[in-house]
Amino acid sequence: EPGETKTSSPPPSSPPPSSPPPPRRPLAVL
């Protein structure tokens, strides 16, 4: 929902991403 952000910590061995992925378009599947 607007104003909320999903967060997850990558495993310690994982290299940092070169650039953050673009946000997905907010969608609803009815």
PDB file of all heavy atoms in Angstrom:
ATOM      1  N   GLU A   1       0.844  -1.186   0.000  1.00  0.00           N
ATOM      2  CA  GLU A   1       0.000   0.000   0.000  1.00  0.00           C
ATOM      3  C   GLU A   1       0.877   1.233   0.000  1.00  0.00           C
ATOM      4  O   GLU A   1       2.028   1.188   0.455  1.00  0.00           O
ATOM      5  CB  GLU A   1      -0.898   0.013   1.240  1.00  0.00           C
ATOM      6  CG  GLU A   1      -1.965  -1.043   1.228  1.00  0.00           C
ATOM      7  CD  GLU A   1      -3.023  -0.783   0.176  1.00  0.00           C
ATOM      8  OE1 GLU A   1      -3.165   0.382  -0.230  1.00  0.00           O
ATOM      9  OE2 GLU A   1      -3.672  -1.739  -0.255  1.00  0.00           O
ATOM     10  N   PRO A   2       0.397   2.385  -0.508  1.00  0.00           N
ATOM     11  CA  PRO A   2       1.185   3.604  -0.515  1.00  0.00           C
ATOM     12  C   PRO A   2       1.729   3.913   0.880  1.00  0.00           C
ATOM     13  O   PRO A   2       1.030   3.836   1.882  1.00  0.00           O
ATOM     14  CB  PRO A   2       0.176   4.667  -0.971  1.00  0.00           C
ATOM     15  CG  PRO A   2      -0.812   3.903  -1.767  1.00  0.00           C
ATOM     16  CD  PRO A   2      -0.922   2.564  -1.105  1.00  0.00           C
ATOM     17  N   GLY A   3       3.008   4.263   0.903  1.00  0.00           N
ATOM     18  CA  GLY A   3       3.631   4.633   2.162  1.00  0.00           C
ATOM     19  C   GLY A   3       4.316   3.468   2.855  1.00  0.00           C
ATOM     20  O   GLY A   3       5.071   3.657   3.800  1.00  0.00           O
ATOM     21  N   GLU A   4       4.087   2.227   2.399  1.00  0.00           N
ATOM     22  CA  GLU A   4       4.724   1.060   2.981  1.00  0.00           C
ATOM     23  C   GLU A   4       5.799   0.551   2.036  1.00  0.00           C
ATOM     24  O   GLU A   4       5.715   0.726   0.823  1.00  0.00           O
ATOM     25  CB  GLU A   4       3.700  -0.049   3.244  1.00  0.00           C
ATOM     26  CG  GLU A   4       2.614   0.347   4.231  1.00  0.00           C
ATOM     27  CD  GLU A   4       1.636  -0.785   4.436  1.00  0.00           C
ATOM     28  OE1 GLU A   4       1.726  -1.791   3.717  1.00  0.00           O
ATOM     29  OE2 GLU A   4       0.774  -0.662   5.306  1.00  0.00           O
ATOM     30  N   THR A   5       6.817  -0.078   2.574  1.00  0.00           N
ATOM     31  CA  THR A   5       7.901  -0.581   1.757  1.00  0.00           C
ATOM     32  C   THR A   5       8.247  -1.990   2.193  1.00  0.00           C
ATOM     33  O   THR A   5       8.379  -2.260   3.391  1.00  0.00           O
ATOM     34  CB  THR A   5       9.159   0.302   1.881  1.00  0.00           C
ATOM     35  OG1 THR A   5       8.808   1.644   1.540  1.00  0.00           O
ATOM     36  CG2 THR A   5      10.251  -0.190   0.949  1.00  0.00           C
ATOM     37  N   LYS A   6       8.372  -2.896   1.257  1.00  0.00           N
ATOM     38  CA  LYS A   6       8.818  -4.239   1.581  1.00  0.00           C
ATOM     39  C   LYS A   6      10.325  -4.211   1.756  1.00  0.00           C
ATOM     40  O   LYS A   6      11.046  -3.656   0.920  1.00  0.00           O
ATOM     41  CB  LYS A   6       8.448  -5.216   0.465  1.00  0.00           C
ATOM     42  CG  LYS A   6       6.961  -5.518   0.375  1.00  0.00           C
ATOM     43  CD  LYS A   6       6.702  -6.538  -0.696  1.00  0.00           C
ATOM     44  CE  LYS A   6       5.222  -6.879  -0.813  1.00  0.00           C
ATOM     45  NZ  LYS A   6       4.948  -7.849  -1.879  1.00  0.00           N
ATOM     46  N   THR A   7      10.830  -4.805   2.806  1.00  0.00           N
ATOM     47  CA  THR A   7      12.271  -4.835   3.040  1.00  0.00           C
ATOM     48  C   THR A   7      12.694  -6.251   3.352  1.00  0.00           C
ATOM     49  O   THR A   7      11.986  -7.017   4.001  1.00  0.00           O
ATOM     50  CB  THR A   7      12.668  -3.937   4.232  1.00  0.00           C
ATOM     51  OG1 THR A   7      11.977  -4.393   5.394  1.00  0.00           O
ATOM     52  CG2 THR A   7      12.317  -2.490   3.962  1.00  0.00           C
ATOM     53  N   SER A   8      13.868  -6.617   2.889  1.00  0.00           N
ATOM     54  CA  SER A   8      14.448  -7.918   3.195  1.00  0.00           C
ATOM     55  C   SER A   8      15.952  -7.778   3.146  1.00  0.00           C
ATOM     56  O   SER A   8      16.492  -7.076   2.286  1.00  0.00           O
ATOM     57  CB  SER A   8      13.981  -8.990   2.201  1.00  0.00           C
ATOM     58  OG  SER A   8      14.349  -8.646   0.892  1.00  0.00           O
ATOM     59  N   SER A   9      16.641  -8.426   4.050  1.00  0.00           N
ATOM     60  CA  SER A   9      18.094  -8.333   4.111  1.00  0.00           C
ATOM     61  C   SER A   9      18.707  -9.435   3.277  1.00  0.00           C
ATOM     62  O   SER A   9      18.385 -10.622   3.460  1.00  0.00           O
ATOM     63  CB  SER A   9      18.570  -8.458   5.563  1.00  0.00           C
ATOM     64  OG  SER A   9      17.998  -7.431   6.345  1.00  0.00           O
ATOM     65  N   PRO A  10      19.629  -9.100   2.345  1.00  0.00           N
ATOM     66  CA  PRO A  10      20.259 -10.144   1.536  1.00  0.00           C
ATOM     67  C   PRO A  10      21.232 -10.942   2.384  1.00  0.00           C
ATOM     68  O   PRO A  10      21.711 -10.482   3.416  1.00  0.00           O
ATOM     69  CB  PRO A  10      20.991  -9.342   0.458  1.00  0.00           C
ATOM     70  CG  PRO A  10      21.260  -8.015   1.103  1.00  0.00           C
ATOM     71  CD  PRO A  10      20.101  -7.770   2.008  1.00  0.00           C
ATOM     72  N   PRO A  11      21.525 -12.165   1.982  1.00  0.00           N
ATOM     73  CA  PRO A  11      22.524 -12.959   2.707  1.00  0.00           C
ATOM     74  C   PRO A  11      23.853 -12.216   2.740  1.00  0.00           C
ATOM     75  O   PRO A  11      24.183 -11.474   1.822  1.00  0.00           O
ATOM     76  CB  PRO A  11      22.610 -14.253   1.878  1.00  0.00           C
ATOM     77  CG  PRO A  11      21.331 -14.305   1.107  1.00  0.00           C
ATOM     78  CD  PRO A  11      20.945 -12.894   0.853  1.00  0.00           C
ATOM     79  N   PRO A  12      24.643 -12.407   3.812  1.00  0.00           N
ATOM     80  CA  PRO A  12      25.915 -11.687   3.927  1.00  0.00           C
ATOM     81  C   PRO A  12      26.839 -11.891   2.743  1.00  0.00           C
ATOM     82  O   PRO A  12      27.628 -11.020   2.405  1.00  0.00           O
ATOM     83  CB  PRO A  12      26.520 -12.280   5.213  1.00  0.00           C
ATOM     84  CG  PRO A  12      25.356 -12.785   5.989  1.00  0.00           C
ATOM     85  CD  PRO A  12      24.373 -13.251   4.975  1.00  0.00           C
ATOM     86  N   SER A  13      26.774 -13.051   2.104  1.00  0.00           N
ATOM     87  CA  SER A  13      27.672 -13.329   0.989  1.00  0.00           C
ATOM     88  C   SER A  13      27.215 -12.709  -0.317  1.00  0.00           C
ATOM     89  O   SER A  13      27.940 -12.731  -1.305  1.00  0.00           O
ATOM     90  CB  SER A  13      27.813 -14.841   0.805  1.00  0.00           C
ATOM     91  OG  SER A  13      26.538 -15.429   0.566  1.00  0.00           O
ATOM     92  N   SER A  14      26.030 -12.172  -0.335  1.00  0.00           N
ATOM     93  CA  SER A  14      25.498 -11.631  -1.580  1.00  0.00           C
ATOM     94  C   SER A  14      26.137 -10.288  -1.891  1.00  0.00           C
ATOM     95  O   SER A  14      26.197  -9.414  -1.016  1.00  0.00           O
ATOM     96  CB  SER A  14      23.987 -11.465  -1.495  1.00  0.00           C
ATOM     97  OG  SER A  14      23.382 -12.715  -1.283  1.00  0.00           O
ATOM     98  N   PRO A  15      26.601 -10.061  -3.121  1.00  0.00           N
ATOM     99  CA  PRO A  15      27.167  -8.758  -3.469  1.00  0.00           C
ATOM    100  C   PRO A  15      26.051  -7.729  -3.580  1.00  0.00           C
ATOM    101  O   PRO A  15      24.916  -8.063  -3.904  1.00  0.00           O
ATOM    102  CB  PRO A  15      27.820  -9.026  -4.829  1.00  0.00           C
ATOM    103  CG  PRO A  15      27.024 -10.161  -5.405  1.00  0.00           C
ATOM    104  CD  PRO A  15      26.651 -11.017  -4.224  1.00  0.00           C
ATOM    105  N   PRO A  16      26.355  -6.454  -3.284  1.00  0.00           N
ATOM    106  CA  PRO A  16      25.335  -5.420  -3.401  1.00  0.00           C
ATOM    107  C   PRO A  16      24.920  -5.252  -4.854  1.00  0.00           C
ATOM    108  O   PRO A  16      25.745  -5.390  -5.763  1.00  0.00           O
ATOM    109  CB  PRO A  16      26.040  -4.168  -2.866  1.00  0.00           C
ATOM    110  CG  PRO A  16      27.489  -4.437  -3.080  1.00  0.00           C
ATOM    111  CD  PRO A  16      27.664  -5.911  -2.885  1.00  0.00           C
ATOM    112  N   PRO A  17      23.676  -4.993  -5.106  1.00  0.00           N
ATOM    113  CA  PRO A  17      23.233  -4.794  -6.496  1.00  0.00           C
ATOM    114  C   PRO A  17      23.884  -3.549  -7.081  1.00  0.00           C
ATOM    115  O   PRO A  17      24.144  -2.568  -6.384  1.00  0.00           O
ATOM    116  CB  PRO A  17      21.720  -4.625  -6.367  1.00  0.00           C
ATOM    117  CG  PRO A  17      21.505  -4.168  -4.957  1.00  0.00           C
ATOM    118  CD  PRO A  17      22.587  -4.812  -4.145  1.00  0.00           C
ATOM    119  N   SER A  18      24.135  -3.611  -8.389  1.00  0.00           N
ATOM    120  CA  SER A  18      24.774  -2.472  -9.055  1.00  0.00           C
ATOM    121  C   SER A  18      23.872  -1.252  -9.047  1.00  0.00           C
ATOM    122  O   SER A  18      24.328  -0.116  -8.970  1.00  0.00           O
ATOM    123  CB  SER A  18      25.145  -2.848 -10.494  1.00  0.00           C
ATOM    124  OG  SER A  18      23.978  -3.304 -11.187  1.00  0.00           O
ATOM    125  N   SER A  19      22.582  -1.466  -9.139  1.00  0.00           N
ATOM    126  CA  SER A  19      21.616  -0.365  -9.079  1.00  0.00           C
ATOM    127  C   SER A  19      20.288  -0.940  -8.625  1.00  0.00           C
ATOM    128  O   SER A  19      19.975  -2.091  -8.928  1.00  0.00           O
ATOM    129  CB  SER A  19      21.458   0.310 -10.450  1.00  0.00           C
ATOM    130  OG  SER A  19      20.993  -0.615 -11.406  1.00  0.00           O
ATOM    131  N   PRO A  20      19.504  -0.157  -7.877  1.00  0.00           N
ATOM    132  CA  PRO A  20      18.216  -0.683  -7.406  1.00  0.00           C
ATOM    133  C   PRO A  20      17.273  -0.918  -8.574  1.00  0.00           C
ATOM    134  O   PRO A  20      17.274  -0.156  -9.556  1.00  0.00           O
ATOM    135  CB  PRO A  20      17.704   0.432  -6.488  1.00  0.00           C
ATOM    136  CG  PRO A  20      18.386   1.664  -6.973  1.00  0.00           C
ATOM    137  CD  PRO A  20      19.732   1.225  -7.452  1.00  0.00           C
ATOM    138  N   PRO A  21      16.480  -1.983  -8.508  1.00  0.00           N
ATOM    139  CA  PRO A  21      15.522  -2.234  -9.594  1.00  0.00           C
ATOM    140  C   PRO A  21      14.451  -1.153  -9.610  1.00  0.00           C
ATOM    141  O   PRO A  21      14.118  -0.583  -8.571  1.00  0.00           O
ATOM    142  CB  PRO A  21      14.922  -3.597  -9.235  1.00  0.00           C
ATOM    143  CG  PRO A  21      15.072  -3.688  -7.745  1.00  0.00           C
ATOM    144  CD  PRO A  21      16.361  -2.966  -7.430  1.00  0.00           C
ATOM    145  N   PRO A  22      13.919  -0.850 -10.780  1.00  0.00           N
ATOM    146  CA  PRO A  22      12.860   0.156 -10.839  1.00  0.00           C
ATOM    147  C   PRO A  22      11.620  -0.341 -10.111  1.00  0.00           C
ATOM    148  O   PRO A  22      11.361  -1.547 -10.072  1.00  0.00           O
ATOM    149  CB  PRO A  22      12.585   0.298 -12.346  1.00  0.00           C
ATOM    150  CG  PRO A  22      13.026  -1.005 -12.929  1.00  0.00           C
ATOM    151  CD  PRO A  22      14.194  -1.443 -12.089  1.00  0.00           C
ATOM    152  N   PRO A  23      10.848   0.551  -9.511  1.00  0.00           N
ATOM    153  CA  PRO A  23       9.638   0.117  -8.800  1.00  0.00           C
ATOM    154  C   PRO A  23       8.635  -0.486  -9.767  1.00  0.00           C
ATOM    155  O   PRO A  23       8.494  -0.028 -10.898  1.00  0.00           O
ATOM    156  CB  PRO A  23       9.108   1.416  -8.185  1.00  0.00           C
ATOM    157  CG  PRO A  23       9.673   2.507  -9.050  1.00  0.00           C
ATOM    158  CD  PRO A  23      11.012   2.008  -9.492  1.00  0.00           C
ATOM    159  N   ARG A  24       7.968  -1.543  -9.306  1.00  0.00           N
ATOM    160  CA  ARG A  24       6.924  -2.131 -10.130  1.00  0.00           C
ATOM    161  C   ARG A  24       5.703  -1.229 -10.128  1.00  0.00           C
ATOM    162  O   ARG A  24       5.394  -0.563  -9.141  1.00  0.00           O
ATOM    163  CB  ARG A  24       6.529  -3.510  -9.592  1.00  0.00           C
ATOM    164  CG  ARG A  24       7.620  -4.542  -9.693  1.00  0.00           C
ATOM    165  CD  ARG A  24       7.071  -5.932  -9.525  1.00  0.00           C
ATOM    166  NE  ARG A  24       6.357  -6.111  -8.282  1.00  0.00           N
ATOM    167  CZ  ARG A  24       5.712  -7.236  -7.961  1.00  0.00           C
ATOM    168  NH1 ARG A  24       5.683  -8.241  -8.792  1.00  0.00           N
ATOM    169  NH2 ARG A  24       5.078  -7.337  -6.802  1.00  0.00           N
ATOM    170  N   ARG A  25       5.025  -1.213 -11.247  1.00  0.00           N
ATOM    171  CA  ARG A  25       3.791  -0.432 -11.315  1.00  0.00           C
ATOM    172  C   ARG A  25       2.765  -1.036 -10.360  1.00  0.00           C
ATOM    173  O   ARG A  25       2.533  -2.246 -10.388  1.00  0.00           O
ATOM    174  CB  ARG A  25       3.259  -0.449 -12.741  1.00  0.00           C
ATOM    175  CG  ARG A  25       1.930   0.272 -12.917  1.00  0.00           C
ATOM    176  CD  ARG A  25       1.448   0.209 -14.347  1.00  0.00           C
ATOM    177  NE  ARG A  25       2.336   0.900 -15.254  1.00  0.00           N
ATOM    178  CZ  ARG A  25       2.106   1.009 -16.565  1.00  0.00           C
ATOM    179  NH1 ARG A  25       1.037   0.469 -17.086  1.00  0.00           N
ATOM    180  NH2 ARG A  25       2.966   1.649 -17.328  1.00  0.00           N
ATOM    181  N   PRO A  26       2.147  -0.228  -9.489  1.00  0.00           N
ATOM    182  CA  PRO A  26       1.131  -0.781  -8.576  1.00  0.00           C
ATOM    183  C   PRO A  26      -0.068  -1.300  -9.371  1.00  0.00           C
ATOM    184  O   PRO A  26      -0.705  -0.545 -10.107  1.00  0.00           O
ATOM    185  CB  PRO A  26       0.749   0.421  -7.704  1.00  0.00           C
ATOM    186  CG  PRO A  26       1.863   1.398  -7.867  1.00  0.00           C
ATOM    187  CD  PRO A  26       2.378   1.198  -9.256  1.00  0.00           C
ATOM    188  N   LEU A  27      -0.344  -2.591  -9.211  1.00  0.00           N
ATOM    189  CA  LEU A  27      -1.401  -3.230  -9.994  1.00  0.00           C
ATOM    190  C   LEU A  27      -2.378  -3.960  -9.094  1.00  0.00           C
ATOM    191  O   LEU A  27      -2.077  -4.319  -7.958  1.00  0.00           O
ATOM    192  CB  LEU A  27      -0.800  -4.225 -10.989  1.00  0.00           C
ATOM    193  CG  LEU A  27       0.180  -3.700 -12.041  1.00  0.00           C
ATOM    194  CD1 LEU A  27       0.749  -4.859 -12.837  1.00  0.00           C
ATOM    195  CD2 LEU A  27      -0.500  -2.701 -12.953  1.00  0.00           C
ATOM    196  N   ALA A  28      -3.552  -4.185  -9.638  1.00  0.00           N
ATOM    197  CA  ALA A  28      -4.563  -5.022  -8.995  1.00  0.00           C
ATOM    198  C   ALA A  28      -5.059  -6.026 -10.024  1.00  0.00           C
ATOM    199  O   ALA A  28      -5.443  -5.649 -11.136  1.00  0.00           O
ATOM    200  CB  ALA A  28      -5.716  -4.183  -8.466  1.00  0.00           C
ATOM    201  N   VAL A  29      -5.024  -7.297  -9.664  1.00  0.00           N
ATOM    202  CA  VAL A  29      -5.544  -8.359 -10.524  1.00  0.00           C
ATOM    203  C   VAL A  29      -6.893  -8.776  -9.960  1.00  0.00           C
ATOM    204  O   VAL A  29      -6.980  -9.329  -8.860  1.00  0.00           O
ATOM    205  CB  VAL A  29      -4.583  -9.556 -10.582  1.00  0.00           C
ATOM    206  CG1 VAL A  29      -5.177 -10.667 -11.456  1.00  0.00           C
ATOM    207  CG2 VAL A  29      -3.219  -9.121 -11.115  1.00  0.00           C
ATOM    208  N   LEU A  30      -7.964  -8.490 -10.709  1.00  0.00           N
ATOM    209  CA  LEU A  30      -9.326  -8.786 -10.263  1.00  0.00           C
ATOM    210  C   LEU A  30      -9.831 -10.048 -10.944  1.00  0.00           C
ATOM    211  O   LEU A  30      -9.898 -10.112 -12.176  1.00  0.00           O
ATOM    212  CB  LEU A  30     -10.271  -7.625 -10.583  1.00  0.00           C
ATOM    213  CG  LEU A  30     -10.365  -6.476  -9.567  1.00  0.00           C
ATOM    214  CD1 LEU A  30      -9.026  -5.757  -9.464  1.00  0.00           C
ATOM    215  CD2 LEU A  30     -11.444  -5.504  -9.972  1.00  0.00           C
TER     216      LEU A  30
END
